[in-house]
């Protein structure tokens, strides 16, 4: 752990800097969240 880069260092990494938002992934996340809300509405905690 002591040798791991910090979050500040990692955010500057080219992998993160070159990352783009994926419309398909964002849509899947949105649908998943909606499904979770619907399911929880039937089974309140």
C-alpha atoms as a PDB file:
ATOM      1  CA  UNK A   1       0.000   0.000   0.000  1.00  0.00           C
ATOM      2  CA  UNK A   2       2.801   2.452   0.704  1.00  0.00           C
ATOM      3  CA  UNK A   3       4.005   2.096  -2.886  1.00  0.00           C
ATOM      4  CA  UNK A   4       0.579   2.668  -4.421  1.00  0.00           C
ATOM      5  CA  UNK A   5       0.001   5.954  -6.244  1.00  0.00           C
ATOM      6  CA  UNK A   6      -2.390   8.422  -4.648  1.00  0.00           C
ATOM      7  CA  UNK A   7      -5.773   9.314  -6.121  1.00  0.00           C
ATOM      8  CA  UNK A   8      -4.306  12.652  -7.227  1.00  0.00           C
ATOM      9  CA  UNK A   9      -1.583  10.826  -9.132  1.00  0.00           C
ATOM     10  CA  UNK A  10      -3.958   8.300 -10.664  1.00  0.00           C
ATOM     11  CA  UNK A  11      -6.361  10.951 -11.964  1.00  0.00           C
ATOM     12  CA  UNK A  12      -3.480  12.281 -14.074  1.00  0.00           C
ATOM     13  CA  UNK A  13      -2.801   8.865 -15.645  1.00  0.00           C
ATOM     14  CA  UNK A  14      -3.311   8.726 -19.436  1.00  0.00           C
ATOM     15  CA  UNK A  15      -5.799   5.849 -19.084  1.00  0.00           C
ATOM     16  CA  UNK A  16      -8.115   8.100 -17.072  1.00  0.00           C
ATOM     17  CA  UNK A  17      -7.401  11.242 -19.091  1.00  0.00           C
ATOM     18  CA  UNK A  18      -8.205   9.448 -22.360  1.00  0.00           C
ATOM     19  CA  UNK A  19     -11.343   7.748 -21.062  1.00  0.00           C
ATOM     20  CA  UNK A  20     -14.590   8.756 -22.725  1.00  0.00           C
ATOM     21  CA  UNK A  21     -18.133   8.396 -21.509  1.00  0.00           C
ATOM     22  CA  UNK A  22     -19.877   5.476 -23.121  1.00  0.00           C
ATOM     23  CA  UNK A  23     -23.505   6.230 -24.075  1.00  0.00           C
ATOM     24  CA  UNK A  24     -24.319   2.509 -24.027  1.00  0.00           C
ATOM     25  CA  UNK A  25     -22.874   2.072 -20.560  1.00  0.00           C
ATOM     26  CA  UNK A  26     -24.658   5.160 -19.253  1.00  0.00           C
ATOM     27  CA  UNK A  27     -27.963   3.850 -20.640  1.00  0.00           C
ATOM     28  CA  UNK A  28     -27.450   0.460 -18.977  1.00  0.00           C
ATOM     29  CA  UNK A  29     -26.708   2.170 -15.660  1.00  0.00           C
ATOM     30  CA  UNK A  30     -29.849   4.293 -16.011  1.00  0.00           C
ATOM     31  CA  UNK A  31     -32.015   1.239 -16.754  1.00  0.00           C
ATOM     32  CA  UNK A  32     -30.501  -0.652 -13.846  1.00  0.00           C
ATOM     33  CA  UNK A  33     -31.272   2.193 -11.456  1.00  0.00           C
ATOM     34  CA  UNK A  34     -34.848   2.390 -12.703  1.00  0.00           C
ATOM     35  CA  UNK A  35     -35.258  -1.374 -12.255  1.00  0.00           C
ATOM     36  CA  UNK A  36     -33.923  -1.146  -8.718  1.00  0.00           C
ATOM     37  CA  UNK A  37     -36.382   1.625  -7.865  1.00  0.00           C
ATOM     38  CA  UNK A  38     -39.295  -0.371  -9.280  1.00  0.00           C
ATOM     39  CA  UNK A  39     -38.317  -3.517  -7.382  1.00  0.00           C
ATOM     40  CA  UNK A  40     -37.847  -1.627  -4.121  1.00  0.00           C
ATOM     41  CA  UNK A  41     -41.253  -0.001  -4.519  1.00  0.00           C
ATOM     42  CA  UNK A  42     -42.792  -3.497  -4.283  1.00  0.00           C
ATOM     43  CA  UNK A  43     -40.618  -4.539  -1.344  1.00  0.00           C
ATOM     44  CA  UNK A  44     -40.041  -1.536   0.903  1.00  0.00           C
ATOM     45  CA  UNK A  45     -37.233  -1.922   3.403  1.00  0.00           C
END
